[in-house]
PDB file of all heavy atoms in Angstrom:
ATOM      1  N   THR A   1     121.825  95.504  50.994  1.00  0.00           N
ATOM      2  CA  THR A   1     122.009  96.930  51.277  1.00  0.00           C
ATOM      3  C   THR A   1     121.107  97.497  52.461  1.00  0.00           C
ATOM      4  O   THR A   1     121.419  98.543  52.913  1.00  0.00           O
ATOM      5  CB  THR A   1     121.742  97.736  49.973  1.00  0.00           C
ATOM      6  OG1 THR A   1     120.395  97.430  49.555  1.00  0.00           O
ATOM      7  CG2 THR A   1     122.692  97.310  48.868  1.00  0.00           C
ATOM      8  N   HIS A   2     120.081  96.723  52.765  1.00  0.00           N
ATOM      9  CA  HIS A   2     119.201  97.178  53.842  1.00  0.00           C
ATOM     10  C   HIS A   2     118.910  96.041  54.812  1.00  0.00           C
ATOM     11  O   HIS A   2     118.545  94.988  54.357  1.00  0.00           O
ATOM     12  CB  HIS A   2     117.882  97.751  53.265  1.00  0.00           C
ATOM     13  CG  HIS A   2     118.053  98.995  52.490  1.00  0.00           C
ATOM     14  ND1 HIS A   2     118.126 100.293  53.043  1.00  0.00           N
ATOM     15  CD2 HIS A   2     118.089  99.193  51.118  1.00  0.00           C
ATOM     16  CE1 HIS A   2     118.260 101.190  52.081  1.00  0.00           C
ATOM     17  NE2 HIS A   2     118.248 100.537  50.927  1.00  0.00           N
ATOM     18  N   HIS A   3     119.089  96.344  56.103  1.00  0.00           N
ATOM     19  CA  HIS A   3     118.835  95.381  57.108  1.00  0.00           C
ATOM     20  C   HIS A   3     117.699  95.920  58.046  1.00  0.00           C
ATOM     21  O   HIS A   3     117.877  96.976  58.605  1.00  0.00           O
ATOM     22  CB  HIS A   3     120.043  95.022  57.947  1.00  0.00           C
ATOM     23  CG  HIS A   3     121.202  94.604  57.122  1.00  0.00           C
ATOM     24  ND1 HIS A   3     121.617  93.211  57.009  1.00  0.00           N
ATOM     25  CD2 HIS A   3     122.088  95.271  56.324  1.00  0.00           C
ATOM     26  CE1 HIS A   3     122.699  93.129  56.271  1.00  0.00           C
ATOM     27  NE2 HIS A   3     122.961  94.311  55.854  1.00  0.00           N
ATOM     28  N   PHE A   4     116.589  95.158  58.189  1.00  0.00           N
ATOM     29  CA  PHE A   4     115.530  95.658  59.013  1.00  0.00           C
ATOM     30  C   PHE A   4     115.324  94.529  60.164  1.00  0.00           C
ATOM     31  O   PHE A   4     115.402  93.369  59.865  1.00  0.00           O
ATOM     32  CB  PHE A   4     114.196  95.751  58.288  1.00  0.00           C
ATOM     33  CG  PHE A   4     114.237  96.876  57.366  1.00  0.00           C
ATOM     34  CD1 PHE A   4     114.526  96.647  56.025  1.00  0.00           C
ATOM     35  CD2 PHE A   4     113.928  98.161  57.678  1.00  0.00           C
ATOM     36  CE1 PHE A   4     114.597  97.643  55.053  1.00  0.00           C
ATOM     37  CE2 PHE A   4     113.967  99.258  56.765  1.00  0.00           C
ATOM     38  CZ  PHE A   4     114.279  98.889  55.453  1.00  0.00           C
ATOM     39  N   ARG A   5     115.095  94.972  61.431  1.00  0.00           N
ATOM     40  CA  ARG A   5     114.940  94.066  62.512  1.00  0.00           C
ATOM     41  C   ARG A   5     113.586  94.315  63.153  1.00  0.00           C
ATOM     42  O   ARG A   5     113.300  95.448  63.552  1.00  0.00           O
ATOM     43  CB  ARG A   5     116.056  94.246  63.537  1.00  0.00           C
ATOM     44  CG  ARG A   5     115.889  93.486  64.835  1.00  0.00           C
ATOM     45  CD  ARG A   5     116.309  92.039  64.667  1.00  0.00           C
ATOM     46  NE  ARG A   5     116.238  91.447  65.929  1.00  0.00           N
ATOM     47  CZ  ARG A   5     116.558  90.154  66.047  1.00  0.00           C
ATOM     48  NH1 ARG A   5     116.787  89.306  65.043  1.00  0.00           N
ATOM     49  NH2 ARG A   5     116.535  89.478  67.231  1.00  0.00           N
ATOM     50  N   LEU A   6     112.767  93.269  63.223  1.00  0.00           N
ATOM     51  CA  LEU A   6     111.446  93.416  63.934  1.00  0.00           C
ATOM     52  C   LEU A   6     111.688  93.050  65.415  1.00  0.00           C
ATOM     53  O   LEU A   6     111.789  91.859  65.840  1.00  0.00           O
ATOM     54  CB  LEU A   6     110.436  92.450  63.393  1.00  0.00           C
ATOM     55  CG  LEU A   6     109.946  92.824  61.952  1.00  0.00           C
ATOM     56  CD1 LEU A   6     108.916  91.760  61.477  1.00  0.00           C
ATOM     57  CD2 LEU A   6     109.432  94.161  61.798  1.00  0.00           C
ATOM     58  N   ALA A   7     111.662  94.109  66.207  1.00  0.00           N
ATOM     59  CA  ALA A   7     111.912  93.930  67.712  1.00  0.00           C
ATOM     60  C   ALA A   7     110.638  93.516  68.387  1.00  0.00           C
ATOM     61  O   ALA A   7     109.559  93.862  67.880  1.00  0.00           O
ATOM     62  CB  ALA A   7     112.481  95.189  68.279  1.00  0.00           C
ATOM     63  N   PRO A   8     110.679  92.781  69.482  1.00  0.00           N
ATOM     64  CA  PRO A   8     109.483  92.478  70.300  1.00  0.00           C
ATOM     65  C   PRO A   8     108.800  93.714  70.769  1.00  0.00           C
ATOM     66  O   PRO A   8     109.444  94.782  70.879  1.00  0.00           O
ATOM     67  CB  PRO A   8     109.980  91.635  71.453  1.00  0.00           C
ATOM     68  CG  PRO A   8     111.303  91.076  70.973  1.00  0.00           C
ATOM     69  CD  PRO A   8     111.925  92.119  70.064  1.00  0.00           C
ATOM     70  N   PHE A   9     107.492  93.704  70.999  1.00  0.00           N
ATOM     71  CA  PHE A   9     106.757  94.782  71.544  1.00  0.00           C
ATOM     72  C   PHE A   9     107.161  95.159  72.990  1.00  0.00           C
ATOM     73  O   PHE A   9     107.440  94.253  73.745  1.00  0.00           O
ATOM     74  CB  PHE A   9     105.257  94.548  71.514  1.00  0.00           C
ATOM     75  CG  PHE A   9     104.618  94.455  70.205  1.00  0.00           C
ATOM     76  CD1 PHE A   9     103.276  94.177  70.034  1.00  0.00           C
ATOM     77  CD2 PHE A   9     105.348  94.748  69.070  1.00  0.00           C
ATOM     78  CE1 PHE A   9     102.711  94.135  68.783  1.00  0.00           C
ATOM     79  CE2 PHE A   9     104.718  94.667  67.780  1.00  0.00           C
ATOM     80  CZ  PHE A   9     103.399  94.378  67.662  1.00  0.00           C
ATOM     81  N   ALA A  10     107.158  96.430  73.263  1.00  0.00           N
ATOM     82  CA  ALA A  10     107.308  96.940  74.614  1.00  0.00           C
ATOM     83  C   ALA A  10     105.973  96.732  75.312  1.00  0.00           C
ATOM     84  O   ALA A  10     104.895  96.645  74.676  1.00  0.00           O
ATOM     85  CB  ALA A  10     107.785  98.329  74.716  1.00  0.00           C
ATOM     86  N   PRO A  11     105.907  96.732  76.748  1.00  0.00           N
ATOM     87  CA  PRO A  11     104.629  96.564  77.395  1.00  0.00           C
ATOM     88  C   PRO A  11     103.583  97.487  77.020  1.00  0.00           C
ATOM     89  O   PRO A  11     102.379  97.085  76.785  1.00  0.00           O
ATOM     90  CB  PRO A  11     105.061  96.676  78.846  1.00  0.00           C
ATOM     91  CG  PRO A  11     106.438  96.218  78.898  1.00  0.00           C
ATOM     92  CD  PRO A  11     107.032  96.665  77.569  1.00  0.00           C
ATOM     93  N   ASP A  12     103.926  98.835  76.835  1.00  0.00           N
ATOM     94  CA  ASP A  12     102.823  99.751  76.425  1.00  0.00           C
ATOM     95  C   ASP A  12     102.419  99.489  74.997  1.00  0.00           C
ATOM     96  O   ASP A  12     101.237  99.794  74.697  1.00  0.00           O
ATOM     97  CB  ASP A  12     103.336 101.191  76.584  1.00  0.00           C
ATOM     98  CG  ASP A  12     104.630 101.438  75.813  1.00  0.00           C
ATOM     99  OD1 ASP A  12     105.397 100.546  75.608  1.00  0.00           O
ATOM    100  OD2 ASP A  12     104.770 102.592  75.349  1.00  0.00           O
ATOM    101  N   GLU A  13     103.255  99.002  74.182  1.00  0.00           N
ATOM    102  CA  GLU A  13     102.832  98.724  72.779  1.00  0.00           C
ATOM    103  C   GLU A  13     101.936  97.444  72.753  1.00  0.00           C
ATOM    104  O   GLU A  13     101.089  97.401  71.874  1.00  0.00           O
ATOM    105  CB  GLU A  13     104.082  98.469  71.982  1.00  0.00           C
ATOM    106  CG  GLU A  13     104.946  99.700  71.784  1.00  0.00           C
ATOM    107  CD  GLU A  13     106.346  99.414  71.144  1.00  0.00           C
ATOM    108  OE1 GLU A  13     106.773  98.185  71.248  1.00  0.00           O
ATOM    109  OE2 GLU A  13     106.951 100.343  70.632  1.00  0.00           O
ATOM    110  N   VAL A  14     102.115  96.548  73.644  1.00  0.00           N
ATOM    111  CA  VAL A  14     101.205  95.415  73.807  1.00  0.00           C
ATOM    112  C   VAL A  14      99.813  95.885  74.093  1.00  0.00           C
ATOM    113  O   VAL A  14      98.799  95.375  73.490  1.00  0.00           O
ATOM    114  CB  VAL A  14     101.753  94.446  74.820  1.00  0.00           C
ATOM    115  CG1 VAL A  14     100.654  93.344  75.074  1.00  0.00           C
ATOM    116  CG2 VAL A  14     102.973  93.781  74.441  1.00  0.00           C
ATOM    117  N   ALA A  15      99.630  96.837  75.048  1.00  0.00           N
ATOM    118  CA  ALA A  15      98.325  97.369  75.300  1.00  0.00           C
ATOM    119  C   ALA A  15      97.681  98.001  74.143  1.00  0.00           C
ATOM    120  O   ALA A  15      96.431  97.679  73.860  1.00  0.00           O
ATOM    121  CB  ALA A  15      98.427  98.404  76.449  1.00  0.00           C
ATOM    122  N   ASP A  16      98.434  98.756  73.386  1.00  0.00           N
ATOM    123  CA  ASP A  16      97.897  99.353  72.150  1.00  0.00           C
ATOM    124  C   ASP A  16      97.499  98.320  71.084  1.00  0.00           C
ATOM    125  O   ASP A  16      96.485  98.471  70.391  1.00  0.00           O
ATOM    126  CB  ASP A  16      98.863 100.383  71.537  1.00  0.00           C
ATOM    127  CG  ASP A  16      99.097 101.589  72.414  1.00  0.00           C
ATOM    128  OD1 ASP A  16      98.197 101.852  73.297  1.00  0.00           O
ATOM    129  OD2 ASP A  16     100.128 102.235  72.325  1.00  0.00           O
ATOM    130  N   TYR A  17      98.394  97.312  70.934  1.00  0.00           N
ATOM    131  CA  TYR A  17      98.138  96.246  69.931  1.00  0.00           C
ATOM    132  C   TYR A  17      96.882  95.487  70.230  1.00  0.00           C
ATOM    133  O   TYR A  17      96.041  95.208  69.382  1.00  0.00           O
ATOM    134  CB  TYR A  17      99.348  95.363  69.962  1.00  0.00           C
ATOM    135  CG  TYR A  17      99.206  94.105  69.112  1.00  0.00           C
ATOM    136  CD1 TYR A  17      99.261  94.182  67.719  1.00  0.00           C
ATOM    137  CD2 TYR A  17      98.920  92.843  69.718  1.00  0.00           C
ATOM    138  CE1 TYR A  17      99.107  92.977  66.839  1.00  0.00           C
ATOM    139  CE2 TYR A  17      98.726  91.691  68.943  1.00  0.00           C
ATOM    140  CZ  TYR A  17      98.842  91.836  67.514  1.00  0.00           C
ATOM    141  OH  TYR A  17      98.636  90.700  66.782  1.00  0.00           O
ATOM    142  N   VAL A  18      96.685  95.083  71.569  1.00  0.00           N
ATOM    143  CA  VAL A  18      95.528  94.310  71.896  1.00  0.00           C
ATOM    144  C   VAL A  18      94.214  95.108  71.654  1.00  0.00           C
ATOM    145  O   VAL A  18      93.290  94.620  71.137  1.00  0.00           O
ATOM    146  CB  VAL A  18      95.657  93.802  73.334  1.00  0.00           C
ATOM    147  CG1 VAL A  18      94.275  93.248  73.844  1.00  0.00           C
ATOM    148  CG2 VAL A  18      96.691  92.819  73.522  1.00  0.00           C
ATOM    149  N   ASP A  19      94.242  96.410  72.065  1.00  0.00           N
ATOM    150  CA  ASP A  19      93.042  97.197  71.880  1.00  0.00           C
ATOM    151  C   ASP A  19      92.775  97.450  70.385  1.00  0.00           C
ATOM    152  O   ASP A  19      91.601  97.338  69.928  1.00  0.00           O
ATOM    153  CB  ASP A  19      93.233  98.511  72.526  1.00  0.00           C
ATOM    154  CG  ASP A  19      92.018  99.380  72.587  1.00  0.00           C
ATOM    155  OD1 ASP A  19      90.954  98.940  73.118  1.00  0.00           O
ATOM    156  OD2 ASP A  19      92.017 100.510  72.026  1.00  0.00           O
ATOM    157  N   PHE A  20      93.857  97.627  69.637  1.00  0.00           N
ATOM    158  CA  PHE A  20      93.695  97.792  68.157  1.00  0.00           C
ATOM    159  C   PHE A  20      93.014  96.568  67.524  1.00  0.00           C
ATOM    160  O   PHE A  20      92.064  96.609  66.750  1.00  0.00           O
ATOM    161  CB  PHE A  20      95.021  98.029  67.534  1.00  0.00           C
ATOM    162  CG  PHE A  20      94.956  97.794  65.969  1.00  0.00           C
ATOM    163  CD1 PHE A  20      94.475  98.791  65.150  1.00  0.00           C
ATOM    164  CD2 PHE A  20      95.459  96.610  65.394  1.00  0.00           C
ATOM    165  CE1 PHE A  20      94.404  98.590  63.745  1.00  0.00           C
ATOM    166  CE2 PHE A  20      95.432  96.441  64.004  1.00  0.00           C
ATOM    167  CZ  PHE A  20      94.896  97.459  63.265  1.00  0.00           C
ATOM    168  N   ARG A  21      93.439  95.348  67.930  1.00  0.00           N
ATOM    169  CA  ARG A  21      92.908  94.078  67.333  1.00  0.00           C
ATOM    170  C   ARG A  21      91.394  93.922  67.744  1.00  0.00           C
ATOM    171  O   ARG A  21      90.616  93.489  66.953  1.00  0.00           O
ATOM    172  CB  ARG A  21      93.710  92.878  67.774  1.00  0.00           C
ATOM    173  CG  ARG A  21      95.206  92.857  67.365  1.00  0.00           C
ATOM    174  CD  ARG A  21      95.373  92.363  65.975  1.00  0.00           C
ATOM    175  NE  ARG A  21      94.979  90.945  65.743  1.00  0.00           N
ATOM    176  CZ  ARG A  21      95.593  90.144  64.889  1.00  0.00           C
ATOM    177  NH1 ARG A  21      96.711  90.518  64.304  1.00  0.00           N
ATOM    178  NH2 ARG A  21      95.154  88.887  64.700  1.00  0.00           N
ATOM    179  N   MET A  22      91.076  94.320  68.953  1.00  0.00           N
ATOM    180  CA  MET A  22      89.753  94.149  69.409  1.00  0.00           C
ATOM    181  C   MET A  22      88.833  95.084  68.569  1.00  0.00           C
ATOM    182  O   MET A  22      87.740  94.639  68.122  1.00  0.00           O
ATOM    183  CB  MET A  22      89.557  94.587  70.861  1.00  0.00           C
ATOM    184  CG  MET A  22      90.201  93.564  71.823  1.00  0.00           C
ATOM    185  SD  MET A  22      89.172  92.047  71.974  1.00  0.00           S
ATOM    186  CE  MET A  22      87.723  92.633  72.813  1.00  0.00           C
ATOM    187  N   ARG A  23      89.274  96.291  68.309  1.00  0.00           N
ATOM    188  CA  ARG A  23      88.375  97.189  67.603  1.00  0.00           C
ATOM    189  C   ARG A  23      88.451  96.866  66.099  1.00  0.00           C
ATOM    190  O   ARG A  23      87.349  97.107  65.419  1.00  0.00           O
ATOM    191  CB  ARG A  23      88.926  98.645  67.847  1.00  0.00           C
ATOM    192  CG  ARG A  23      88.794  99.027  69.285  1.00  0.00           C
ATOM    193  CD  ARG A  23      89.037 100.472  69.657  1.00  0.00           C
ATOM    194  NE  ARG A  23      89.064 100.584  71.109  1.00  0.00           N
ATOM    195  CZ  ARG A  23      87.962 100.622  71.866  1.00  0.00           C
ATOM    196  NH1 ARG A  23      86.787 100.553  71.348  1.00  0.00           N
ATOM    197  NH2 ARG A  23      88.003 100.697  73.134  1.00  0.00           N
ATOM    198  N   ALA A  24      89.461  96.310  65.577  1.00  0.00           N
ATOM    199  CA  ALA A  24      89.472  95.891  64.150  1.00  0.00           C
ATOM    200  C   ALA A  24      88.460  94.720  63.959  1.00  0.00           C
ATOM    201  O   ALA A  24      87.943  94.578  62.913  1.00  0.00           O
ATOM    202  CB  ALA A  24      90.838  95.401  63.773  1.00  0.00           C
ATOM    203  N   ALA A  25      88.202  94.000  65.044  1.00  0.00           N
ATOM    204  CA  ALA A  25      87.266  92.912  64.980  1.00  0.00           C
ATOM    205  C   ALA A  25      85.828  93.321  65.296  1.00  0.00           C
ATOM    206  O   ALA A  25      84.901  92.440  65.349  1.00  0.00           O
ATOM    207  CB  ALA A  25      87.607  91.806  65.991  1.00  0.00           C
ATOM    208  N   GLY A  26      85.542  94.671  65.469  1.00  0.00           N
ATOM    209  CA  GLY A  26      84.229  95.153  65.632  1.00  0.00           C
ATOM    210  C   GLY A  26      83.815  95.641  67.018  1.00  0.00           C
ATOM    211  O   GLY A  26      82.664  96.081  67.270  1.00  0.00           O
ATOM    212  N   TYR A  27      84.771  95.501  68.012  1.00  0.00           N
ATOM    213  CA  TYR A  27      84.390  95.856  69.386  1.00  0.00           C
ATOM    214  C   TYR A  27      84.316  97.463  69.444  1.00  0.00           C
ATOM    215  O   TYR A  27      85.151  98.137  68.853  1.00  0.00           O
ATOM    216  CB  TYR A  27      85.437  95.373  70.353  1.00  0.00           C
ATOM    217  CG  TYR A  27      85.167  95.776  71.820  1.00  0.00           C
ATOM    218  CD1 TYR A  27      84.096  95.162  72.475  1.00  0.00           C
ATOM    219  CD2 TYR A  27      86.016  96.660  72.448  1.00  0.00           C
ATOM    220  CE1 TYR A  27      83.867  95.609  73.813  1.00  0.00           C
ATOM    221  CE2 TYR A  27      85.707  97.102  73.784  1.00  0.00           C
ATOM    222  CZ  TYR A  27      84.672  96.519  74.428  1.00  0.00           C
ATOM    223  OH  TYR A  27      84.460  96.882  75.713  1.00  0.00           O
TER     224      TYR A  27
END
């Protein structure tokens, strides 16, 4: 009854993702 699709990140989303992971690791 529900279909979800995980699409690849857009370029600007990659920048936010990388910065998020750095700060989650203590940076």
